[in-house]
Amino acid sequence: VRGLCGTYNWDQQDEFTTPEGDVETSVTAFANQYRASGDCPVLGPVPLQPCDAFAGRREVAEAACAVLQGPAFQ
């Protein structure tokens, strides 16, 4: 499960490993490494708060996150 979900090896020092094998130190630098070329804008130093920016999608996002926090990923 290496990638956007982390490395899943219980070592938090390498959770932001990029596709090139580098380890980023910030969320935005890490996320920018996974951008689809030209399709998404480069994130600035402060990431958007998705629940604030897309309030109507909060319930959908919480349902999706519940799957990741459920028994399949325990």
PDB file of N, CA and C in Angstrom:
ATOM      1  N   VAL A   1       0.819  -1.207   0.000  1.00  0.00           N
ATOM      2  CA  VAL A   1       0.000   0.000   0.000  1.00  0.00           C
ATOM      3  C   VAL A   1       0.853   1.256   0.000  1.00  0.00           C
ATOM      4  N   ARG A   2       2.042   1.162  -0.525  1.00  0.00           N
ATOM      5  CA  ARG A   2       2.929   2.315  -0.542  1.00  0.00           C
ATOM      6  C   ARG A   2       2.368   3.414  -1.438  1.00  0.00           C
ATOM      7  N   GLY A   3       2.434   4.642  -0.992  1.00  0.00           N
ATOM      8  CA  GLY A   3       1.948   5.763  -1.792  1.00  0.00           C
ATOM      9  C   GLY A   3       1.169   6.728  -0.945  1.00  0.00           C
ATOM     10  N   LEU A   4       0.052   7.185  -1.450  1.00  0.00           N
ATOM     11  CA  LEU A   4      -0.731   8.180  -0.732  1.00  0.00           C
ATOM     12  C   LEU A   4      -1.228   7.689   0.614  1.00  0.00           C
ATOM     13  N   CYS A   5      -1.348   6.393   0.795  1.00  0.00           N
ATOM     14  CA  CYS A   5      -1.781   5.842   2.083  1.00  0.00           C
ATOM     15  C   CYS A   5      -0.603   5.593   3.024  1.00  0.00           C
ATOM     16  N   GLY A   6       0.589   5.976   2.648  1.00  0.00           N
ATOM     17  CA  GLY A   6       1.769   5.749   3.473  1.00  0.00           C
ATOM     18  C   GLY A   6       2.443   4.441   3.087  1.00  0.00           C
ATOM     19  N   THR A   7       3.422   4.023   3.893  1.00  0.00           N
ATOM     20  CA  THR A   7       4.162   2.796   3.604  1.00  0.00           C
ATOM     21  C   THR A   7       3.658   1.614   4.418  1.00  0.00           C
ATOM     22  N   TYR A   8       2.859   1.892   5.422  1.00  0.00           N
ATOM     23  CA  TYR A   8       2.239   0.863   6.262  1.00  0.00           C
ATOM     24  C   TYR A   8       3.269  -0.095   6.846  1.00  0.00           C
ATOM     25  N   ASN A   9       4.352   0.493   7.364  1.00  0.00           N
ATOM     26  CA  ASN A   9       5.377  -0.333   8.004  1.00  0.00           C
ATOM     27  C   ASN A   9       5.625   0.100   9.448  1.00  0.00           C
ATOM     28  N   TRP A  10       4.744   0.902   9.978  1.00  0.00           N
ATOM     29  CA  TRP A  10       4.783   1.404  11.354  1.00  0.00           C
ATOM     30  C   TRP A  10       5.951   2.354  11.621  1.00  0.00           C
ATOM     31  N   ASP A  11       6.631   2.799  10.592  1.00  0.00           N
ATOM     32  CA  ASP A  11       7.721   3.764  10.727  1.00  0.00           C
ATOM     33  C   ASP A  11       7.228   5.105  10.202  1.00  0.00           C
ATOM     34  N   GLN A  12       6.911   6.018  11.107  1.00  0.00           N
ATOM     35  CA  GLN A  12       6.343   7.297  10.695  1.00  0.00           C
ATOM     36  C   GLN A  12       7.351   8.201   9.993  1.00  0.00           C
ATOM     37  N   GLN A  13       8.633   7.858  10.036  1.00  0.00           N
ATOM     38  CA  GLN A  13       9.655   8.681   9.397  1.00  0.00           C
ATOM     39  C   GLN A  13       9.618   8.584   7.873  1.00  0.00           C
ATOM     40  N   ASP A  14       8.976   7.542   7.331  1.00  0.00           N
ATOM     41  CA  ASP A  14       8.955   7.405   5.874  1.00  0.00           C
ATOM     42  C   ASP A  14       7.543   7.439   5.283  1.00  0.00           C
ATOM     43  N   GLU A  15       6.590   7.961   6.025  1.00  0.00           N
ATOM     44  CA  GLU A  15       5.208   7.990   5.546  1.00  0.00           C
ATOM     45  C   GLU A  15       5.019   8.888   4.330  1.00  0.00           C
ATOM     46  N   PHE A  16       5.837   9.900   4.162  1.00  0.00           N
ATOM     47  CA  PHE A  16       5.697  10.815   3.028  1.00  0.00           C
ATOM     48  C   PHE A  16       6.698  10.477   1.926  1.00  0.00           C
ATOM     49  N   THR A  17       6.892   9.193   1.644  1.00  0.00           N
ATOM     50  CA  THR A  17       7.789   8.770   0.578  1.00  0.00           C
ATOM     51  C   THR A  17       7.124   9.013  -0.772  1.00  0.00           C
ATOM     52  N   THR A  18       7.829   9.717  -1.650  1.00  0.00           N
ATOM     53  CA  THR A  18       7.291  10.084  -2.964  1.00  0.00           C
ATOM     54  C   THR A  18       7.479   8.936  -3.957  1.00  0.00           C
ATOM     55  N   PRO A  19       6.858   9.021  -5.130  1.00  0.00           N
ATOM     56  CA  PRO A  19       7.055   7.984  -6.140  1.00  0.00           C
ATOM     57  C   PRO A  19       8.523   7.801  -6.534  1.00  0.00           C
ATOM     58  N   GLU A  20       9.330   8.860  -6.386  1.00  0.00           N
ATOM     59  CA  GLU A  20      10.754   8.781  -6.720  1.00  0.00           C
ATOM     60  C   GLU A  20      11.592   8.224  -5.583  1.00  0.00           C
ATOM     61  N   GLY A  21      10.978   7.961  -4.407  1.00  0.00           N
ATOM     62  CA  GLY A  21      11.705   7.413  -3.274  1.00  0.00           C
ATOM     63  C   GLY A  21      12.214   8.452  -2.293  1.00  0.00           C
ATOM     64  N   ASP A  22      11.971   9.738  -2.561  1.00  0.00           N
ATOM     65  CA  ASP A  22      12.356  10.787  -1.623  1.00  0.00           C
ATOM     66  C   ASP A  22      11.343  10.831  -0.492  1.00  0.00           C
ATOM     67  N   VAL A  23      11.746  11.375   0.662  1.00  0.00           N
ATOM     68  CA  VAL A  23      10.826  11.548   1.780  1.00  0.00           C
ATOM     69  C   VAL A  23      10.608  13.046   1.982  1.00  0.00           C
ATOM     70  N   GLU A  24       9.371  13.483   1.802  1.00  0.00           N
ATOM     71  CA  GLU A  24       9.029  14.893   1.999  1.00  0.00           C
ATOM     72  C   GLU A  24       8.743  15.146   3.469  1.00  0.00           C
ATOM     73  N   THR A  25       8.896  16.395   3.888  1.00  0.00           N
ATOM     74  CA  THR A  25       8.667  16.730   5.288  1.00  0.00           C
ATOM     75  C   THR A  25       7.356  17.469   5.516  1.00  0.00           C
ATOM     76  N   SER A  26       6.686  17.890   4.443  1.00  0.00           N
ATOM     77  CA  SER A  26       5.420  18.586   4.623  1.00  0.00           C
ATOM     78  C   SER A  26       4.318  17.927   3.804  1.00  0.00           C
ATOM     79  N   VAL A  27       3.098  18.099   4.260  1.00  0.00           N
ATOM     80  CA  VAL A  27       1.945  17.519   3.582  1.00  0.00           C
ATOM     81  C   VAL A  27       1.819  18.068   2.165  1.00  0.00           C
ATOM     82  N   THR A  28       1.980  19.379   2.000  1.00  0.00           N
ATOM     83  CA  THR A  28       1.779  19.971   0.675  1.00  0.00           C
ATOM     84  C   THR A  28       2.863  19.534  -0.306  1.00  0.00           C
ATOM     85  N   ALA A  29       4.115  19.468   0.143  1.00  0.00           N
ATOM     86  CA  ALA A  29       5.186  19.017  -0.746  1.00  0.00           C
ATOM     87  C   ALA A  29       4.937  17.570  -1.171  1.00  0.00           C
ATOM     88  N   PHE A  30       4.485  16.748  -0.245  1.00  0.00           N
ATOM     89  CA  PHE A  30       4.172  15.355  -0.548  1.00  0.00           C
ATOM     90  C   PHE A  30       3.016  15.258  -1.539  1.00  0.00           C
ATOM     91  N   ALA A  31       1.942  15.987  -1.278  1.00  0.00           N
ATOM     92  CA  ALA A  31       0.767  15.941  -2.158  1.00  0.00           C
ATOM     93  C   ALA A  31       1.109  16.428  -3.558  1.00  0.00           C
ATOM     94  N   ASN A  32       1.957  17.447  -3.656  1.00  0.00           N
ATOM     95  CA  ASN A  32       2.335  17.963  -4.974  1.00  0.00           C
ATOM     96  C   ASN A  32       3.089  16.926  -5.806  1.00  0.00           C
ATOM     97  N   GLN A  33       3.765  15.977  -5.160  1.00  0.00           N
ATOM     98  CA  GLN A  33       4.478  14.925  -5.887  1.00  0.00           C
ATOM     99  C   GLN A  33       3.524  13.951  -6.575  1.00  0.00           C
ATOM    100  N   TYR A  34       2.281  13.888  -6.094  1.00  0.00           N
ATOM    101  CA  TYR A  34       1.295  12.970  -6.654  1.00  0.00           C
ATOM    102  C   TYR A  34       0.292  13.660  -7.581  1.00  0.00           C
ATOM    103  N   ARG A  35       0.526  14.936  -7.902  1.00  0.00           N
ATOM    104  CA  ARG A  35      -0.375  15.663  -8.806  1.00  0.00           C
ATOM    105  C   ARG A  35      -0.367  15.016 -10.184  1.00  0.00           C
ATOM    106  N   ALA A  36      -1.528  14.999 -10.795  1.00  0.00           N
ATOM    107  CA  ALA A  36      -1.606  14.583 -12.197  1.00  0.00           C
ATOM    108  C   ALA A  36      -1.097  15.764 -13.014  1.00  0.00           C
ATOM    109  N   SER A  37      -0.143  15.544 -13.853  1.00  0.00           N
ATOM    110  CA  SER A  37       0.516  16.615 -14.597  1.00  0.00           C
ATOM    111  C   SER A  37      -0.469  17.591 -15.220  1.00  0.00           C
ATOM    112  N   GLY A  38      -0.427  18.826 -14.767  1.00  0.00           N
ATOM    113  CA  GLY A  38      -1.236  19.895 -15.334  1.00  0.00           C
ATOM    114  C   GLY A  38      -2.705  19.856 -14.985  1.00  0.00           C
ATOM    115  N   ASP A  39      -3.201  18.765 -14.418  1.00  0.00           N
ATOM    116  CA  ASP A  39      -4.619  18.661 -14.109  1.00  0.00           C
ATOM    117  C   ASP A  39      -5.002  19.334 -12.791  1.00  0.00           C
ATOM    118  N   CYS A  40      -4.080  19.399 -11.880  1.00  0.00           N
ATOM    119  CA  CYS A  40      -4.359  19.979 -10.564  1.00  0.00           C
ATOM    120  C   CYS A  40      -3.396  21.131 -10.294  1.00  0.00           C
ATOM    121  N   PRO A  41      -3.869  22.169  -9.611  1.00  0.00           N
ATOM    122  CA  PRO A  41      -2.957  23.260  -9.282  1.00  0.00           C
ATOM    123  C   PRO A  41      -1.949  22.829  -8.214  1.00  0.00           C
ATOM    124  N   VAL A  42      -0.781  23.446  -8.225  1.00  0.00           N
ATOM    125  CA  VAL A  42       0.220  23.193  -7.193  1.00  0.00           C
ATOM    126  C   VAL A  42      -0.318  23.748  -5.883  1.00  0.00           C
ATOM    127  N   LEU A  43      -0.235  22.953  -4.816  1.00  0.00           N
ATOM    128  CA  LEU A  43      -0.699  23.413  -3.512  1.00  0.00           C
ATOM    129  C   LEU A  43       0.285  24.404  -2.927  1.00  0.00           C
ATOM    130  N   GLY A  44      -0.243  25.384  -2.228  1.00  0.00           N
ATOM    131  CA  GLY A  44       0.590  26.354  -1.533  1.00  0.00           C
ATOM    132  C   GLY A  44       1.070  25.789  -0.209  1.00  0.00           C
ATOM    133  N   PRO A  45       1.759  26.602   0.592  1.00  0.00           N
ATOM    134  CA  PRO A  45       2.319  26.108   1.853  1.00  0.00           C
ATOM    135  C   PRO A  45       1.267  25.709   2.885  1.00  0.00           C
ATOM    136  N   VAL A  46       0.074  26.265   2.796  1.00  0.00           N
ATOM    137  CA  VAL A  46      -0.983  25.920   3.747  1.00  0.00           C
ATOM    138  C   VAL A  46      -2.079  25.193   2.978  1.00  0.00           C
ATOM    139  N   PRO A  47      -2.288  23.899   3.251  1.00  0.00           N
ATOM    140  CA  PRO A  47      -3.306  23.169   2.498  1.00  0.00           C
ATOM    141  C   PRO A  47      -4.713  23.665   2.818  1.00  0.00           C
ATOM    142  N   LEU A  48      -5.598  23.535   1.847  1.00  0.00           N
ATOM    143  CA  LEU A  48      -6.993  23.868   2.064  1.00  0.00           C
ATOM    144  C   LEU A  48      -7.587  22.949   3.120  1.00  0.00           C
ATOM    145  N   GLN A  49      -8.549  23.458   3.845  1.00  0.00           N
ATOM    146  CA  GLN A  49      -9.321  22.617   4.745  1.00  0.00           C
ATOM    147  C   GLN A  49     -10.501  22.109   3.929  1.00  0.00           C
ATOM    148  N   PRO A  50     -10.465  20.866   3.469  1.00  0.00           N
ATOM    149  CA  PRO A  50     -11.480  20.396   2.535  1.00  0.00           C
ATOM    150  C   PRO A  50     -12.903  20.491   3.066  1.00  0.00           C
ATOM    151  N   CYS A  51     -13.104  20.293   4.358  1.00  0.00           N
ATOM    152  CA  CYS A  51     -14.465  20.377   4.887  1.00  0.00           C
ATOM    153  C   CYS A  51     -14.980  21.811   4.862  1.00  0.00           C
ATOM    154  N   ASP A  52     -14.089  22.779   4.953  1.00  0.00           N
ATOM    155  CA  ASP A  52     -14.498  24.179   4.843  1.00  0.00           C
ATOM    156  C   ASP A  52     -14.718  24.567   3.384  1.00  0.00           C
ATOM    157  N   ALA A  53     -13.841  24.110   2.493  1.00  0.00           N
ATOM    158  CA  ALA A  53     -13.913  24.481   1.088  1.00  0.00           C
ATOM    159  C   ALA A  53     -15.064  23.785   0.367  1.00  0.00           C
ATOM    160  N   PHE A  54     -15.410  22.579   0.798  1.00  0.00           N
ATOM    161  CA  PHE A  54     -16.453  21.788   0.130  1.00  0.00           C
ATOM    162  C   PHE A  54     -17.436  21.252   1.168  1.00  0.00           C
ATOM    163  N   ALA A  55     -18.090  22.160   1.877  1.00  0.00           N
ATOM    164  CA  ALA A  55     -18.965  21.779   2.988  1.00  0.00           C
ATOM    165  C   ALA A  55     -20.043  20.779   2.582  1.00  0.00           C
ATOM    166  N   GLY A  56     -20.542  20.854   1.363  1.00  0.00           N
ATOM    167  CA  GLY A  56     -21.583  19.947   0.906  1.00  0.00           C
ATOM    168  C   GLY A  56     -21.103  18.519   0.718  1.00  0.00           C
ATOM    169  N   ARG A  57     -19.808  18.298   0.704  1.00  0.00           N
ATOM    170  CA  ARG A  57     -19.243  16.960   0.491  1.00  0.00           C
ATOM    171  C   ARG A  57     -18.752  16.318   1.793  1.00  0.00           C
ATOM    172  N   ARG A  58     -18.975  16.981   2.922  1.00  0.00           N
ATOM    173  CA  ARG A  58     -18.466  16.480   4.203  1.00  0.00           C
ATOM    174  C   ARG A  58     -18.965  15.070   4.506  1.00  0.00           C
ATOM    175  N   GLU A  59     -20.260  14.823   4.341  1.00  0.00           N
ATOM    176  CA  GLU A  59     -20.811  13.503   4.660  1.00  0.00           C
ATOM    177  C   GLU A  59     -20.195  12.412   3.784  1.00  0.00           C
ATOM    178  N   VAL A  60     -20.006  12.702   2.500  1.00  0.00           N
ATOM    179  CA  VAL A  60     -19.398  11.726   1.591  1.00  0.00           C
ATOM    180  C   VAL A  60     -17.961  11.438   2.022  1.00  0.00           C
ATOM    181  N   ALA A  61     -17.223  12.490   2.374  1.00  0.00           N
ATOM    182  CA  ALA A  61     -15.825  12.320   2.798  1.00  0.00           C
ATOM    183  C   ALA A  61     -15.740  11.526   4.097  1.00  0.00           C
ATOM    184  N   GLU A  62     -16.614  11.818   5.048  1.00  0.00           N
ATOM    185  CA  GLU A  62     -16.588  11.090   6.315  1.00  0.00           C
ATOM    186  C   GLU A  62     -16.926   9.610   6.104  1.00  0.00           C
ATOM    187  N   ALA A  63     -17.838   9.320   5.192  1.00  0.00           N
ATOM    188  CA  ALA A  63     -18.174   7.922   4.898  1.00  0.00           C
ATOM    189  C   ALA A  63     -16.982   7.209   4.272  1.00  0.00           C
ATOM    190  N   ALA A  64     -16.278   7.887   3.364  1.00  0.00           N
ATOM    191  CA  ALA A  64     -15.101   7.289   2.734  1.00  0.00           C
ATOM    192  C   ALA A  64     -13.997   7.062   3.759  1.00  0.00           C
ATOM    193  N   CYS A  65     -13.786   8.008   4.645  1.00  0.00           N
ATOM    194  CA  CYS A  65     -12.754   7.861   5.670  1.00  0.00           C
ATOM    195  C   CYS A  65     -13.117   6.756   6.668  1.00  0.00           C
ATOM    196  N   ALA A  66     -14.397   6.557   6.906  1.00  0.00           N
ATOM    197  CA  ALA A  66     -14.817   5.506   7.824  1.00  0.00           C
ATOM    198  C   ALA A  66     -14.376   4.142   7.336  1.00  0.00           C
ATOM    199  N   VAL A  67     -14.329   3.958   6.018  1.00  0.00           N
ATOM    200  CA  VAL A  67     -13.846   2.694   5.466  1.00  0.00           C
ATOM    201  C   VAL A  67     -12.376   2.498   5.832  1.00  0.00           C
ATOM    202  N   LEU A  68     -11.576   3.548   5.718  1.00  0.00           N
ATOM    203  CA  LEU A  68     -10.147   3.450   6.038  1.00  0.00           C
ATOM    204  C   LEU A  68      -9.918   3.230   7.527  1.00  0.00           C
ATOM    205  N   GLN A  69     -10.847   3.692   8.354  1.00  0.00           N
ATOM    206  CA  GLN A  69     -10.704   3.519   9.800  1.00  0.00           C
ATOM    207  C   GLN A  69     -11.416   2.269  10.301  1.00  0.00           C
ATOM    208  N   GLY A  70     -12.020   1.521   9.396  1.00  0.00           N
ATOM    209  CA  GLY A  70     -12.774   0.323   9.750  1.00  0.00           C
ATOM    210  C   GLY A  70     -11.905  -0.907   9.930  1.00  0.00           C
ATOM    211  N   PRO A  71     -12.547  -2.032  10.164  1.00  0.00           N
ATOM    212  CA  PRO A  71     -11.829  -3.274  10.471  1.00  0.00           C
ATOM    213  C   PRO A  71     -10.923  -3.778   9.356  1.00  0.00           C
ATOM    214  N   ALA A  72     -11.213  -3.455   8.114  1.00  0.00           N
ATOM    215  CA  ALA A  72     -10.367  -3.937   7.018  1.00  0.00           C
ATOM    216  C   ALA A  72      -8.944  -3.405   7.110  1.00  0.00           C
ATOM    217  N   PHE A  73      -8.767  -2.238   7.744  1.00  0.00           N
ATOM    218  CA  PHE A  73      -7.436  -1.618   7.833  1.00  0.00           C
ATOM    219  C   PHE A  73      -6.901  -1.607   9.271  1.00  0.00           C
ATOM    220  N   GLN A  74      -7.484  -2.394  10.136  1.00  0.00           N
ATOM    221  CA  GLN A  74      -7.015  -2.447  11.520  1.00  0.00           C
ATOM    222  C   GLN A  74      -5.741  -3.254  11.627  1.00  0.00           C
TER     223      GLN A  74
END
